[in-house]
């Protein structure tokens, strides 16, 4: 789970933006390259 650094909402790893406030989750300390998916 990725915690939004703005509102604290827990988001699923496939999210790029917070589903609660819309903030960019790449700013979160939980963000990691493992959450980036390449197209097949």
C-alpha atoms as a PDB file:
ATOM      1  CA  UNK A   1       0.000   0.000   0.000  1.00  0.00           C
ATOM      2  CA  UNK A   2       1.110   3.545  -0.718  1.00  0.00           C
ATOM      3  CA  UNK A   3       0.268   6.208   1.854  1.00  0.00           C
ATOM      4  CA  UNK A   4      -0.553   9.600   0.358  1.00  0.00           C
ATOM      5  CA  UNK A   5       1.865  12.226   1.695  1.00  0.00           C
ATOM      6  CA  UNK A   6      -0.876  14.887   1.510  1.00  0.00           C
ATOM      7  CA  UNK A   7      -3.986  13.306   3.063  1.00  0.00           C
ATOM      8  CA  UNK A   8      -2.686  10.026   4.520  1.00  0.00           C
ATOM      9  CA  UNK A   9      -5.065   7.824   2.518  1.00  0.00           C
ATOM     10  CA  UNK A  10      -3.868   4.260   1.844  1.00  0.00           C
ATOM     11  CA  UNK A  11      -3.806   3.530  -1.886  1.00  0.00           C
ATOM     12  CA  UNK A  12      -3.275   0.278  -3.753  1.00  0.00           C
ATOM     13  CA  UNK A  13       0.187  -0.151  -5.334  1.00  0.00           C
ATOM     14  CA  UNK A  14      -1.079   0.262  -8.901  1.00  0.00           C
ATOM     15  CA  UNK A  15      -2.315   3.800  -8.181  1.00  0.00           C
ATOM     16  CA  UNK A  16      -0.296   6.746  -9.511  1.00  0.00           C
ATOM     17  CA  UNK A  17      -2.509   9.391  -7.928  1.00  0.00           C
ATOM     18  CA  UNK A  18      -4.339   9.294  -4.601  1.00  0.00           C
ATOM     19  CA  UNK A  19      -7.908   8.064  -4.993  1.00  0.00           C
ATOM     20  CA  UNK A  20      -8.962  10.351  -2.118  1.00  0.00           C
ATOM     21  CA  UNK A  21      -7.362  13.715  -2.948  1.00  0.00           C
ATOM     22  CA  UNK A  22      -5.765  13.206  -6.379  1.00  0.00           C
ATOM     23  CA  UNK A  23      -2.208  14.018  -5.287  1.00  0.00           C
ATOM     24  CA  UNK A  24       0.775  12.485  -7.059  1.00  0.00           C
ATOM     25  CA  UNK A  25       1.788   9.366  -5.118  1.00  0.00           C
ATOM     26  CA  UNK A  26       5.382   9.460  -6.390  1.00  0.00           C
ATOM     27  CA  UNK A  27       5.929  12.059  -3.640  1.00  0.00           C
ATOM     28  CA  UNK A  28       5.102   9.428  -1.006  1.00  0.00           C
ATOM     29  CA  UNK A  29       7.879   7.810   1.026  1.00  0.00           C
ATOM     30  CA  UNK A  30       6.168   4.482   0.219  1.00  0.00           C
ATOM     31  CA  UNK A  31       6.704   5.000  -3.524  1.00  0.00           C
ATOM     32  CA  UNK A  32       9.234   2.619  -5.076  1.00  0.00           C
ATOM     33  CA  UNK A  33      10.195   1.645  -8.611  1.00  0.00           C
ATOM     34  CA  UNK A  34       8.515  -1.723  -7.991  1.00  0.00           C
ATOM     35  CA  UNK A  35       5.193   0.120  -8.369  1.00  0.00           C
ATOM     36  CA  UNK A  36       5.999   1.159 -11.928  1.00  0.00           C
ATOM     37  CA  UNK A  37       4.583  -1.222 -14.498  1.00  0.00           C
ATOM     38  CA  UNK A  38       5.671  -1.476 -18.109  1.00  0.00           C
ATOM     39  CA  UNK A  39       3.213  -2.142 -20.901  1.00  0.00           C
ATOM     40  CA  UNK A  40       3.473  -5.667 -22.318  1.00  0.00           C
END
